[in-house]
Amino acid sequence: MKGPKLRRGLYAISRETADDRELVDWAGAVIEGGAVCLQYRDKSADADRRARQAAALAAVCRTRQVTLLINDDVDLARHCGADGVHLGEDDGDIADARRRLGESALVGVSCYNRADRAQDMARAGADYLAFGAFFPSSSKPGARRADTAMLSAARTLGRPLVAIGGITPDNGGALVAAGADLLAVIGGLAGTPDQALLAARRYAALFEALPSVPSS
């Protein structure tokens, strides 16, 4: 893997909010709870808000030594100094993202429920492969569904694997056992900072005593 080394654990994804302080407090809480990676996800058209919030999260993550990724937006990742970007199937290709962000950047990709895409993205140099949704998700109710067999099969690709979609502390253990290196969570970390911290601790506990993710 060319970018910063990922650790096994909780991959926290932000919810959209116009309240910068709420976002920063949430980030601090989930990091304190054990999140090893944060993704800033905001699909709004408010470019100023996105730039401001991404910069604020970058500062928090640098201080706490936690990986920050930006959802879909390579330019925003570059401008805020994030560690990398997460790309969906319509968000550009890995080579272009790495050219614009630098060889040290992390570039992760969504593979949904497609083994063929995972194979293609691994060959193209993806730093991690994300699969899901594994369970019904309030954040993405129409998401394609994946099953745990995909995680087990994808271990042969030699990339860290991320599971997403309706994951709770109660059902996440089965995904870790099937081969997930990181659990990506949005709705399960909602609520007040105190609630987010306690939830993060429960997710992080699923990874206790596990080694670092494999490098490519």
C-alpha atoms as a PDB file:
ATOM      1  CA  MET A   1       0.000   0.000   0.000  1.00  0.00           C
ATOM      2  CA  LYS A   2       1.448   3.363  -0.987  1.00  0.00           C
ATOM      3  CA  GLY A   3      -0.413   5.649   1.383  1.00  0.00           C
ATOM      4  CA  PRO A   4      -0.426   5.957   5.180  1.00  0.00           C
ATOM      5  CA  LYS A   5      -0.827   2.614   6.866  1.00  0.00           C
ATOM      6  CA  LEU A   6      -4.367   1.803   7.913  1.00  0.00           C
ATOM      7  CA  ARG A   7      -5.108   0.180  11.229  1.00  0.00           C
ATOM      8  CA  ARG A   8      -7.881  -2.305  11.828  1.00  0.00           C
ATOM      9  CA  GLY A   9     -10.847  -0.749  13.530  1.00  0.00           C
ATOM     10  CA  LEU A  10     -13.704   1.693  13.332  1.00  0.00           C
ATOM     11  CA  TYR A  11     -14.017   3.825  10.196  1.00  0.00           C
ATOM     12  CA  ALA A  12     -16.316   6.700  11.181  1.00  0.00           C
ATOM     13  CA  ILE A  13     -18.233   8.565   8.461  1.00  0.00           C
ATOM     14  CA  SER A  14     -19.663  11.996   9.167  1.00  0.00           C
ATOM     15  CA  ARG A  15     -23.293  12.993   8.768  1.00  0.00           C
ATOM     16  CA  GLU A  16     -24.149  16.256   7.029  1.00  0.00           C
ATOM     17  CA  THR A  17     -24.587  19.233   9.340  1.00  0.00           C
ATOM     18  CA  ALA A  18     -24.441  22.995   8.964  1.00  0.00           C
ATOM     19  CA  ASP A  19     -23.095  23.263  12.518  1.00  0.00           C
ATOM     20  CA  ASP A  20     -19.296  23.231  12.393  1.00  0.00           C
ATOM     21  CA  ARG A  21     -18.938  22.848  16.150  1.00  0.00           C
ATOM     22  CA  GLU A  22     -21.297  19.876  16.161  1.00  0.00           C
ATOM     23  CA  LEU A  23     -19.149  18.165  13.518  1.00  0.00           C
ATOM     24  CA  VAL A  24     -15.869  18.846  15.334  1.00  0.00           C
ATOM     25  CA  ASP A  25     -17.303  17.690  18.666  1.00  0.00           C
ATOM     26  CA  TRP A  26     -18.570  14.513  16.988  1.00  0.00           C
ATOM     27  CA  ALA A  27     -15.158  13.854  15.464  1.00  0.00           C
ATOM     28  CA  GLY A  28     -13.415  14.314  18.788  1.00  0.00           C
ATOM     29  CA  ALA A  29     -15.869  11.955  20.457  1.00  0.00           C
ATOM     30  CA  VAL A  30     -15.572   9.097  17.978  1.00  0.00           C
ATOM     31  CA  ILE A  31     -11.786   9.400  17.958  1.00  0.00           C
ATOM     32  CA  GLU A  32     -11.742   9.274  21.749  1.00  0.00           C
ATOM     33  CA  GLY A  33     -13.977   6.232  21.455  1.00  0.00           C
ATOM     34  CA  GLY A  34     -11.437   4.476  19.263  1.00  0.00           C
ATOM     35  CA  ALA A  35     -12.071   5.402  15.607  1.00  0.00           C
ATOM     36  CA  VAL A  36      -8.903   4.888  13.548  1.00  0.00           C
ATOM     37  CA  CYS A  37     -10.174   6.535  10.361  1.00  0.00           C
ATOM     38  CA  LEU A  38     -12.634   9.339   9.603  1.00  0.00           C
ATOM     39  CA  GLN A  39     -14.349  10.093   6.325  1.00  0.00           C
ATOM     40  CA  TYR A  40     -15.848  13.528   5.684  1.00  0.00           C
ATOM     41  CA  ARG A  41     -19.019  13.023   3.668  1.00  0.00           C
ATOM     42  CA  ASP A  42     -21.122  16.030   2.672  1.00  0.00           C
ATOM     43  CA  LYS A  43     -23.128  15.970  -0.552  1.00  0.00           C
ATOM     44  CA  SER A  44     -24.407  19.545  -0.200  1.00  0.00           C
ATOM     45  CA  ALA A  45     -23.714  22.246  -2.798  1.00  0.00           C
ATOM     46  CA  ASP A  46     -22.275  24.577  -0.150  1.00  0.00           C
ATOM     47  CA  ALA A  47     -18.630  24.683  -1.239  1.00  0.00           C
ATOM     48  CA  ASP A  48     -17.616  27.160   1.455  1.00  0.00           C
ATOM     49  CA  ARG A  49     -19.058  24.974   4.205  1.00  0.00           C
ATOM     50  CA  ARG A  50     -17.420  21.886   2.799  1.00  0.00           C
ATOM     51  CA  ALA A  51     -14.019  23.586   2.605  1.00  0.00           C
ATOM     52  CA  ARG A  52     -14.327  24.991   6.123  1.00  0.00           C
ATOM     53  CA  GLN A  53     -15.484  21.740   7.695  1.00  0.00           C
ATOM     54  CA  ALA A  54     -12.935  19.594   5.885  1.00  0.00           C
ATOM     55  CA  ALA A  55     -10.143  21.881   7.090  1.00  0.00           C
ATOM     56  CA  ALA A  56     -11.458  21.674  10.657  1.00  0.00           C
ATOM     57  CA  LEU A  57     -11.560  17.871  10.551  1.00  0.00           C
ATOM     58  CA  ALA A  58      -8.075  17.764   9.043  1.00  0.00           C
ATOM     59  CA  ALA A  59      -6.774  19.734  12.016  1.00  0.00           C
ATOM     60  CA  VAL A  60      -8.507  17.403  14.490  1.00  0.00           C
ATOM     61  CA  CYS A  61      -7.220  14.280  12.759  1.00  0.00           C
ATOM     62  CA  ARG A  62      -3.657  15.556  12.510  1.00  0.00           C
ATOM     63  CA  THR A  63      -3.633  16.335  16.233  1.00  0.00           C
ATOM     64  CA  ARG A  64      -5.038  12.894  17.111  1.00  0.00           C
ATOM     65  CA  GLN A  65      -3.006  11.011  14.457  1.00  0.00           C
ATOM     66  CA  VAL A  66      -6.115   9.595  12.833  1.00  0.00           C
ATOM     67  CA  THR A  67      -6.503   9.056   9.069  1.00  0.00           C
ATOM     68  CA  LEU A  68      -8.830  11.501   7.304  1.00  0.00           C
ATOM     69  CA  LEU A  69     -10.397  10.666   3.960  1.00  0.00           C
ATOM     70  CA  ILE A  70     -12.728  12.816   1.871  1.00  0.00           C
ATOM     71  CA  ASN A  71     -15.734  11.273   0.161  1.00  0.00           C
ATOM     72  CA  ASP A  72     -15.680  11.620  -3.625  1.00  0.00           C
ATOM     73  CA  ASP A  73     -13.968  15.039  -3.855  1.00  0.00           C
ATOM     74  CA  VAL A  74     -10.300  14.854  -4.855  1.00  0.00           C
ATOM     75  CA  ASP A  75      -9.853  18.624  -5.002  1.00  0.00           C
ATOM     76  CA  LEU A  76     -11.254  19.065  -1.502  1.00  0.00           C
ATOM     77  CA  ALA A  77      -8.966  16.316  -0.211  1.00  0.00           C
ATOM     78  CA  ARG A  78      -5.975  18.100  -1.726  1.00  0.00           C
ATOM     79  CA  HIS A  79      -6.951  21.542  -0.455  1.00  0.00           C
ATOM     80  CA  CYS A  80      -7.598  20.489   3.145  1.00  0.00           C
ATOM     81  CA  GLY A  81      -4.546  18.245   3.394  1.00  0.00           C
ATOM     82  CA  ALA A  82      -6.479  15.018   3.982  1.00  0.00           C
ATOM     83  CA  ASP A  83      -4.692  11.671   3.852  1.00  0.00           C
ATOM     84  CA  GLY A  84      -6.686  10.615   0.817  1.00  0.00           C
ATOM     85  CA  VAL A  85     -10.034  10.113  -0.828  1.00  0.00           C
ATOM     86  CA  HIS A  86     -12.802   7.550  -1.094  1.00  0.00           C
ATOM     87  CA  LEU A  87     -14.205   7.003  -4.590  1.00  0.00           C
ATOM     88  CA  GLY A  88     -17.502   5.516  -5.715  1.00  0.00           C
ATOM     89  CA  GLU A  89     -18.001   4.003  -9.142  1.00  0.00           C
ATOM     90  CA  ASP A  90     -18.849   7.394 -10.712  1.00  0.00           C
ATOM     91  CA  ASP A  91     -16.219   9.499  -8.958  1.00  0.00           C
ATOM     92  CA  GLY A  92     -13.200   9.213 -11.243  1.00  0.00           C
ATOM     93  CA  ASP A  93     -10.375   6.732 -11.379  1.00  0.00           C
ATOM     94  CA  ILE A  94      -7.586   5.802  -9.045  1.00  0.00           C
ATOM     95  CA  ALA A  95      -4.736   6.892 -11.308  1.00  0.00           C
ATOM     96  CA  ASP A  96      -6.157  10.404 -11.694  1.00  0.00           C
ATOM     97  CA  ALA A  97      -6.761  10.750  -7.958  1.00  0.00           C
ATOM     98  CA  ARG A  98      -3.216   9.640  -7.179  1.00  0.00           C
ATOM     99  CA  ARG A  99      -1.785  11.991  -9.794  1.00  0.00           C
ATOM    100  CA  ARG A 100      -3.615  14.921  -8.195  1.00  0.00           C
ATOM    101  CA  LEU A 101      -3.052  13.955  -4.565  1.00  0.00           C
ATOM    102  CA  GLY A 102       0.427  12.480  -4.751  1.00  0.00           C
ATOM    103  CA  GLU A 103       1.810   8.987  -4.488  1.00  0.00           C
ATOM    104  CA  SER A 104       1.548   8.953  -0.696  1.00  0.00           C
ATOM    105  CA  ALA A 105      -2.228   9.487  -0.705  1.00  0.00           C
ATOM    106  CA  LEU A 106      -4.699   6.782   0.266  1.00  0.00           C
ATOM    107  CA  VAL A 107      -7.247   6.015  -2.433  1.00  0.00           C
ATOM    108  CA  GLY A 108     -10.059   3.703  -1.380  1.00  0.00           C
ATOM    109  CA  VAL A 109     -12.958   2.537  -3.518  1.00  0.00           C
ATOM    110  CA  SER A 110     -16.501   1.259  -3.173  1.00  0.00           C
ATOM    111  CA  CYS A 111     -17.011  -2.193  -4.658  1.00  0.00           C
ATOM    112  CA  TYR A 112     -20.611  -2.653  -3.465  1.00  0.00           C
ATOM    113  CA  ASN A 113     -21.487  -6.312  -4.113  1.00  0.00           C
ATOM    114  CA  ARG A 114     -19.261  -6.770  -7.145  1.00  0.00           C
ATOM    115  CA  ALA A 115     -16.348  -9.197  -7.014  1.00  0.00           C
ATOM    116  CA  ASP A 116     -15.306  -8.199 -10.553  1.00  0.00           C
ATOM    117  CA  ARG A 117     -15.003  -4.541  -9.560  1.00  0.00           C
ATOM    118  CA  ALA A 118     -12.955  -5.470  -6.504  1.00  0.00           C
ATOM    119  CA  GLN A 119     -10.534  -7.408  -8.689  1.00  0.00           C
ATOM    120  CA  ASP A 120     -10.264  -4.536 -11.165  1.00  0.00           C
ATOM    121  CA  MET A 121      -9.744  -1.940  -8.448  1.00  0.00           C
ATOM    122  CA  ALA A 122      -7.090  -4.027  -6.712  1.00  0.00           C
ATOM    123  CA  ARG A 123      -5.206  -4.293 -10.022  1.00  0.00           C
ATOM    124  CA  ALA A 124      -5.597  -0.530 -10.502  1.00  0.00           C
ATOM    125  CA  GLY A 125      -3.874   0.114  -7.171  1.00  0.00           C
ATOM    126  CA  ALA A 126      -6.696   0.796  -4.717  1.00  0.00           C
ATOM    127  CA  ASP A 127      -5.424   1.066  -1.147  1.00  0.00           C
ATOM    128  CA  TYR A 128      -8.567  -0.535   0.260  1.00  0.00           C
ATOM    129  CA  LEU A 129     -11.762  -2.141  -1.027  1.00  0.00           C
ATOM    130  CA  ALA A 130     -15.162  -1.357   0.507  1.00  0.00           C
ATOM    131  CA  PHE A 131     -18.122  -3.727   0.288  1.00  0.00           C
ATOM    132  CA  GLY A 132     -21.758  -3.305   1.290  1.00  0.00           C
ATOM    133  CA  ALA A 133     -24.422  -2.704   2.294  1.00  0.00           C
ATOM    134  CA  PHE A 134     -24.374  -5.797   4.496  1.00  0.00           C
ATOM    135  CA  PHE A 135     -27.513  -4.894   6.425  1.00  0.00           C
ATOM    136  CA  PRO A 136     -30.458  -2.521   5.866  1.00  0.00           C
ATOM    137  CA  SER A 137     -29.195   1.044   6.160  1.00  0.00           C
ATOM    138  CA  SER A 138     -31.118   4.178   7.077  1.00  0.00           C
ATOM    139  CA  SER A 139     -28.332   6.291   5.548  1.00  0.00           C
ATOM    140  CA  LYS A 140     -28.615   4.530   2.171  1.00  0.00           C
ATOM    141  CA  PRO A 141     -31.923   2.642   2.141  1.00  0.00           C
ATOM    142  CA  GLY A 142     -31.623   1.669  -1.530  1.00  0.00           C
ATOM    143  CA  ALA A 143     -28.041   0.436  -1.357  1.00  0.00           C
ATOM    144  CA  ARG A 144     -27.034  -2.791  -3.068  1.00  0.00           C
ATOM    145  CA  ARG A 145     -26.639  -5.683  -0.659  1.00  0.00           C
ATOM    146  CA  ALA A 146     -23.489  -7.736  -0.129  1.00  0.00           C
ATOM    147  CA  ASP A 147     -22.909 -10.905   1.880  1.00  0.00           C
ATOM    148  CA  THR A 148     -20.088 -12.046   4.119  1.00  0.00           C
ATOM    149  CA  ALA A 149     -18.853 -14.570   1.560  1.00  0.00           C
ATOM    150  CA  MET A 150     -17.603 -11.620  -0.495  1.00  0.00           C
ATOM    151  CA  LEU A 151     -15.317 -10.563   2.326  1.00  0.00           C
ATOM    152  CA  SER A 152     -13.873 -14.031   2.729  1.00  0.00           C
ATOM    153  CA  ALA A 153     -13.241 -14.331  -1.012  1.00  0.00           C
ATOM    154  CA  ALA A 154     -11.700 -10.852  -1.268  1.00  0.00           C
ATOM    155  CA  ARG A 155      -8.953 -11.694   1.227  1.00  0.00           C
ATOM    156  CA  THR A 156      -6.999 -13.140  -1.699  1.00  0.00           C
ATOM    157  CA  LEU A 157      -6.751  -9.660  -3.263  1.00  0.00           C
ATOM    158  CA  GLY A 158      -4.262  -8.518  -0.627  1.00  0.00           C
ATOM    159  CA  ARG A 159      -5.983  -5.235   0.208  1.00  0.00           C
ATOM    160  CA  PRO A 160      -7.568  -4.044   3.454  1.00  0.00           C
ATOM    161  CA  LEU A 161     -11.318  -4.644   3.346  1.00  0.00           C
ATOM    162  CA  VAL A 162     -13.967  -2.228   4.585  1.00  0.00           C
ATOM    163  CA  ALA A 163     -17.524  -3.302   5.399  1.00  0.00           C
ATOM    164  CA  ILE A 164     -20.375  -0.782   5.367  1.00  0.00           C
ATOM    165  CA  GLY A 165     -24.130  -0.667   5.615  1.00  0.00           C
ATOM    166  CA  GLY A 166     -26.349  -0.978   8.683  1.00  0.00           C
ATOM    167  CA  ILE A 167     -23.509  -2.175  10.894  1.00  0.00           C
ATOM    168  CA  THR A 168     -24.078  -2.231  14.644  1.00  0.00           C
ATOM    169  CA  PRO A 169     -21.864  -3.383  17.519  1.00  0.00           C
ATOM    170  CA  ASP A 170     -24.061  -6.480  17.672  1.00  0.00           C
ATOM    171  CA  ASN A 171     -23.803  -7.555  14.014  1.00  0.00           C
ATOM    172  CA  GLY A 172     -20.344  -6.177  13.253  1.00  0.00           C
ATOM    173  CA  GLY A 173     -18.463  -9.032  14.854  1.00  0.00           C
ATOM    174  CA  ALA A 174     -19.599 -11.422  12.134  1.00  0.00           C
ATOM    175  CA  LEU A 175     -18.125  -9.105   9.500  1.00  0.00           C
ATOM    176  CA  VAL A 176     -14.799  -8.895  11.309  1.00  0.00           C
ATOM    177  CA  ALA A 177     -14.758 -12.680  11.569  1.00  0.00           C
ATOM    178  CA  ALA A 178     -15.446 -12.921   7.820  1.00  0.00           C
ATOM    179  CA  GLY A 179     -12.468 -10.717   6.988  1.00  0.00           C
ATOM    180  CA  ALA A 180     -13.417  -7.038   7.400  1.00  0.00           C
ATOM    181  CA  ASP A 181     -10.430  -4.954   8.495  1.00  0.00           C
ATOM    182  CA  LEU A 182     -12.520  -1.853   9.105  1.00  0.00           C
ATOM    183  CA  LEU A 183     -16.201  -1.277   9.855  1.00  0.00           C
ATOM    184  CA  ALA A 184     -17.540   1.906   8.236  1.00  0.00           C
ATOM    185  CA  VAL A 185     -20.358   3.435  10.265  1.00  0.00           C
ATOM    186  CA  ILE A 186     -22.604   6.474   9.818  1.00  0.00           C
ATOM    187  CA  GLY A 187     -25.958   6.083  11.581  1.00  0.00           C
ATOM    188  CA  GLY A 188     -24.595   3.949  14.399  1.00  0.00           C
ATOM    189  CA  LEU A 189     -22.510   6.916  15.570  1.00  0.00           C
ATOM    190  CA  ALA A 190     -25.321   9.478  15.557  1.00  0.00           C
ATOM    191  CA  GLY A 191     -26.490  11.397  18.597  1.00  0.00           C
ATOM    192  CA  THR A 192     -24.779  13.576  21.156  1.00  0.00           C
ATOM    193  CA  PRO A 193     -20.978  13.472  21.528  1.00  0.00           C
ATOM    194  CA  ASP A 194     -21.386  11.324  24.640  1.00  0.00           C
ATOM    195  CA  GLN A 195     -23.598   8.874  22.747  1.00  0.00           C
ATOM    196  CA  ALA A 196     -21.171   8.800  19.809  1.00  0.00           C
ATOM    197  CA  LEU A 197     -18.229   8.152  22.130  1.00  0.00           C
ATOM    198  CA  LEU A 198     -19.945   5.215  23.832  1.00  0.00           C
ATOM    199  CA  ALA A 199     -21.026   3.740  20.499  1.00  0.00           C
ATOM    200  CA  ALA A 200     -17.513   4.117  19.088  1.00  0.00           C
ATOM    201  CA  ARG A 201     -16.095   2.220  22.046  1.00  0.00           C
ATOM    202  CA  ARG A 202     -18.428  -0.686  21.359  1.00  0.00           C
ATOM    203  CA  TYR A 203     -17.374  -0.844  17.707  1.00  0.00           C
ATOM    204  CA  ALA A 204     -13.687  -0.487  18.561  1.00  0.00           C
ATOM    205  CA  ALA A 205     -13.939  -3.356  21.047  1.00  0.00           C
ATOM    206  CA  LEU A 206     -14.668  -5.723  18.156  1.00  0.00           C
ATOM    207  CA  PHE A 207     -11.064  -5.237  16.987  1.00  0.00           C
ATOM    208  CA  GLU A 208      -9.195  -5.556  20.268  1.00  0.00           C
ATOM    209  CA  ALA A 209      -5.948  -7.533  20.072  1.00  0.00           C
ATOM    210  CA  LEU A 210      -6.049  -7.700  16.267  1.00  0.00           C
ATOM    211  CA  PRO A 211      -2.923  -6.869  14.205  1.00  0.00           C
ATOM    212  CA  SER A 212      -2.532  -4.151  11.590  1.00  0.00           C
ATOM    213  CA  VAL A 213      -4.182  -4.576   8.202  1.00  0.00           C
ATOM    214  CA  PRO A 214      -2.173  -6.190   5.397  1.00  0.00           C
ATOM    215  CA  SER A 215      -0.165  -3.956   3.102  1.00  0.00           C
ATOM    216  CA  SER A 216      -0.276  -4.159  -0.658  1.00  0.00           C
END
